[in-house]
């Protein structure tokens, strides 16, 4: 299993922007991103200084990327 980096919510938003996710809106401490092409997925990212490992794995799974593909975006 690939080791995950320690990332903030803003770091994750920047990384996902490289694969087509765009800022949709923010409510409180949660940022909602939307994929600009089909399948138009919506992902919610907590705007925290450090995202928990389990939460980060769930975000990666929801985007349809593998952990290796995600870490290559850094």
N, C-alpha and C. Protein backbone atom coordinates (compact mmCIF):
# COMPACT_ATOMS: atom_id res chain seq x y z
N UNK A 1 0.84 -1.17 0.00
CA UNK A 1 0.00 0.00 0.00
C UNK A 1 0.89 1.24 0.00
N UNK A 2 0.55 2.19 -0.83
CA UNK A 2 1.33 3.41 -0.97
C UNK A 2 1.09 4.33 0.22
N UNK A 3 2.16 4.92 0.72
CA UNK A 3 2.06 5.83 1.85
C UNK A 3 1.52 7.17 1.36
N UNK A 4 0.54 7.70 2.07
CA UNK A 4 -0.07 8.97 1.70
C UNK A 4 0.70 10.14 2.29
N UNK A 5 0.81 11.23 1.54
CA UNK A 5 1.46 12.43 2.09
C UNK A 5 0.53 13.16 3.05
N UNK A 6 1.09 14.00 3.90
CA UNK A 6 0.29 14.83 4.79
C UNK A 6 -0.07 16.09 4.00
N UNK A 7 -1.36 16.32 3.81
CA UNK A 7 -1.81 17.44 2.98
C UNK A 7 -2.88 18.24 3.69
N UNK A 8 -2.96 19.52 3.35
CA UNK A 8 -4.05 20.36 3.83
C UNK A 8 -5.18 20.30 2.80
N UNK A 9 -6.32 20.81 3.18
CA UNK A 9 -7.45 20.85 2.25
C UNK A 9 -7.15 21.67 1.02
N UNK A 10 -6.46 22.78 1.19
CA UNK A 10 -6.10 23.65 0.05
C UNK A 10 -5.14 22.93 -0.90
N UNK A 11 -4.22 22.13 -0.35
CA UNK A 11 -3.29 21.36 -1.20
C UNK A 11 -4.05 20.36 -2.06
N UNK A 12 -5.04 19.70 -1.47
CA UNK A 12 -5.84 18.72 -2.21
C UNK A 12 -6.62 19.41 -3.32
N UNK A 13 -7.17 20.58 -3.04
CA UNK A 13 -7.91 21.34 -4.05
C UNK A 13 -7.01 21.68 -5.23
N UNK A 14 -5.78 22.11 -4.96
CA UNK A 14 -4.84 22.45 -6.03
C UNK A 14 -4.47 21.22 -6.86
N UNK A 15 -4.30 20.08 -6.18
CA UNK A 15 -3.94 18.85 -6.89
C UNK A 15 -5.08 18.38 -7.78
N UNK A 16 -6.31 18.45 -7.28
CA UNK A 16 -7.44 18.00 -8.07
C UNK A 16 -7.76 18.96 -9.22
N UNK A 17 -7.35 20.21 -9.09
CA UNK A 17 -7.55 21.17 -10.19
C UNK A 17 -6.74 20.74 -11.41
N UNK A 18 -5.66 20.02 -11.21
CA UNK A 18 -4.82 19.56 -12.32
C UNK A 18 -5.49 18.48 -13.16
N UNK A 19 -6.51 17.81 -12.61
CA UNK A 19 -7.21 16.77 -13.36
C UNK A 19 -8.62 17.20 -13.77
N UNK A 20 -8.93 18.49 -13.64
CA UNK A 20 -10.19 19.00 -14.17
C UNK A 20 -11.24 19.39 -13.15
N UNK A 21 -10.96 19.27 -11.86
CA UNK A 21 -11.94 19.69 -10.85
C UNK A 21 -11.87 21.20 -10.67
N UNK A 22 -13.04 21.82 -10.59
CA UNK A 22 -13.13 23.28 -10.43
C UNK A 22 -13.89 23.59 -9.14
N UNK A 23 -13.57 24.74 -8.57
CA UNK A 23 -14.25 25.21 -7.37
C UNK A 23 -15.72 25.45 -7.71
N UNK A 24 -16.63 24.86 -6.93
CA UNK A 24 -18.06 25.07 -7.13
C UNK A 24 -18.58 26.05 -6.08
N UNK A 25 -18.41 25.72 -4.81
CA UNK A 25 -18.79 26.62 -3.72
C UNK A 25 -18.17 26.14 -2.41
N UNK A 26 -18.30 26.98 -1.40
CA UNK A 26 -17.80 26.62 -0.08
C UNK A 26 -18.87 26.97 0.94
N UNK A 27 -19.07 26.05 1.88
CA UNK A 27 -20.01 26.30 2.96
C UNK A 27 -19.30 25.94 4.25
N UNK A 28 -19.02 26.94 5.04
CA UNK A 28 -18.28 26.72 6.28
C UNK A 28 -16.86 26.26 5.98
N UNK A 29 -16.47 25.14 6.55
CA UNK A 29 -15.10 24.66 6.35
C UNK A 29 -15.03 23.55 5.32
N UNK A 30 -16.01 23.46 4.43
CA UNK A 30 -16.00 22.42 3.40
C UNK A 30 -16.06 23.05 2.01
N UNK A 31 -15.11 22.66 1.18
CA UNK A 31 -15.00 23.15 -0.19
C UNK A 31 -15.60 22.09 -1.11
N UNK A 32 -16.48 22.50 -2.01
CA UNK A 32 -17.10 21.57 -2.95
C UNK A 32 -16.50 21.82 -4.32
N UNK A 33 -15.94 20.76 -4.90
CA UNK A 33 -15.36 20.82 -6.24
C UNK A 33 -16.26 20.06 -7.20
N UNK A 34 -16.25 20.48 -8.45
CA UNK A 34 -17.06 19.82 -9.48
C UNK A 34 -16.16 19.51 -10.66
N UNK A 35 -16.31 18.31 -11.21
CA UNK A 35 -15.55 17.92 -12.39
C UNK A 35 -16.16 18.62 -13.59
N UNK A 36 -15.34 19.27 -14.40
CA UNK A 36 -15.83 20.09 -15.50
C UNK A 36 -16.27 19.29 -16.72
N UNK A 37 -15.94 18.01 -16.78
CA UNK A 37 -16.36 17.14 -17.89
C UNK A 37 -17.10 15.94 -17.31
N UNK A 38 -17.77 15.19 -18.18
CA UNK A 38 -18.49 14.03 -17.66
C UNK A 38 -17.55 13.09 -16.94
N UNK A 39 -17.92 12.53 -15.85
CA UNK A 39 -19.22 12.30 -15.24
C UNK A 39 -19.67 13.38 -14.27
N UNK A 40 -19.12 14.58 -14.32
CA UNK A 40 -19.53 15.72 -13.49
C UNK A 40 -19.61 15.38 -12.01
N UNK A 41 -18.60 14.74 -11.50
CA UNK A 41 -18.58 14.36 -10.08
C UNK A 41 -18.46 15.60 -9.20
N UNK A 42 -19.01 15.51 -8.00
CA UNK A 42 -18.86 16.56 -7.00
C UNK A 42 -18.14 15.94 -5.81
N UNK A 43 -17.10 16.61 -5.35
CA UNK A 43 -16.28 16.13 -4.25
C UNK A 43 -16.27 17.19 -3.16
N UNK A 44 -16.43 16.79 -1.92
CA UNK A 44 -16.37 17.70 -0.79
C UNK A 44 -15.04 17.52 -0.09
N UNK A 45 -14.30 18.62 0.06
CA UNK A 45 -12.98 18.60 0.68
C UNK A 45 -13.04 19.43 1.97
N UNK A 46 -12.67 18.86 3.12
CA UNK A 46 -12.63 19.67 4.34
C UNK A 46 -11.46 20.65 4.27
N UNK A 47 -11.71 21.89 4.60
CA UNK A 47 -10.68 22.93 4.57
C UNK A 47 -9.95 22.95 5.91
N UNK A 48 -9.18 21.89 6.17
CA UNK A 48 -8.43 21.76 7.42
C UNK A 48 -6.94 21.86 7.13
N UNK A 49 -6.16 22.13 8.17
CA UNK A 49 -4.71 22.22 8.01
C UNK A 49 -4.11 20.87 7.66
N UNK A 50 -4.71 19.80 8.16
CA UNK A 50 -4.24 18.45 7.87
C UNK A 50 -5.45 17.53 7.73
N UNK A 51 -5.55 16.86 6.58
CA UNK A 51 -6.67 15.95 6.33
C UNK A 51 -6.29 14.57 6.85
N UNK A 52 -7.20 13.94 7.57
CA UNK A 52 -6.98 12.60 8.11
C UNK A 52 -6.74 11.61 6.97
N UNK A 53 -5.94 10.59 7.24
CA UNK A 53 -5.57 9.61 6.21
C UNK A 53 -6.79 8.90 5.62
N UNK A 54 -7.73 8.50 6.47
CA UNK A 54 -8.92 7.82 5.99
C UNK A 54 -9.78 8.72 5.12
N UNK A 55 -9.88 9.98 5.49
CA UNK A 55 -10.64 10.96 4.71
C UNK A 55 -9.97 11.17 3.36
N UNK A 56 -8.66 11.26 3.36
CA UNK A 56 -7.92 11.46 2.12
C UNK A 56 -8.09 10.26 1.19
N UNK A 57 -8.03 9.06 1.73
CA UNK A 57 -8.25 7.86 0.90
C UNK A 57 -9.67 7.84 0.32
N UNK A 58 -10.66 8.27 1.10
CA UNK A 58 -12.03 8.32 0.61
C UNK A 58 -12.18 9.34 -0.52
N UNK A 59 -11.51 10.48 -0.39
CA UNK A 59 -11.54 11.51 -1.44
C UNK A 59 -10.92 10.96 -2.72
N UNK A 60 -9.78 10.30 -2.58
CA UNK A 60 -9.10 9.73 -3.75
C UNK A 60 -9.99 8.69 -4.42
N UNK A 61 -10.64 7.85 -3.64
CA UNK A 61 -11.53 6.82 -4.18
C UNK A 61 -12.70 7.46 -4.92
N UNK A 62 -13.28 8.54 -4.37
CA UNK A 62 -14.41 9.21 -5.00
C UNK A 62 -14.03 9.87 -6.33
N UNK A 63 -12.78 10.29 -6.46
CA UNK A 63 -12.35 10.93 -7.70
C UNK A 63 -12.12 9.93 -8.81
N UNK A 64 -11.98 8.66 -8.46
CA UNK A 64 -11.73 7.64 -9.47
C UNK A 64 -10.25 7.46 -9.79
N UNK A 65 -9.39 8.09 -9.01
CA UNK A 65 -7.94 7.96 -9.20
C UNK A 65 -7.41 6.86 -8.29
N UNK A 66 -6.23 6.36 -8.62
CA UNK A 66 -5.53 5.47 -7.70
C UNK A 66 -4.66 6.34 -6.79
N UNK A 67 -4.17 5.77 -5.72
CA UNK A 67 -3.32 6.51 -4.80
C UNK A 67 -2.05 6.96 -5.50
N UNK A 68 -1.48 6.09 -6.36
CA UNK A 68 -0.26 6.45 -7.09
C UNK A 68 -0.51 7.61 -8.05
N UNK A 69 -1.64 7.58 -8.76
CA UNK A 69 -1.97 8.68 -9.69
C UNK A 69 -2.16 9.99 -8.91
N UNK A 70 -2.78 9.89 -7.75
CA UNK A 70 -3.01 11.09 -6.93
C UNK A 70 -1.69 11.68 -6.43
N UNK A 71 -0.79 10.81 -5.94
CA UNK A 71 0.48 11.32 -5.41
C UNK A 71 1.36 11.87 -6.52
N UNK A 72 1.18 11.40 -7.76
CA UNK A 72 1.94 11.96 -8.89
C UNK A 72 1.50 13.38 -9.24
N UNK A 73 0.34 13.80 -8.79
CA UNK A 73 -0.14 15.16 -9.04
C UNK A 73 0.60 16.21 -8.22
N UNK A 74 1.28 15.79 -7.16
CA UNK A 74 1.95 16.72 -6.26
C UNK A 74 3.12 17.44 -6.89
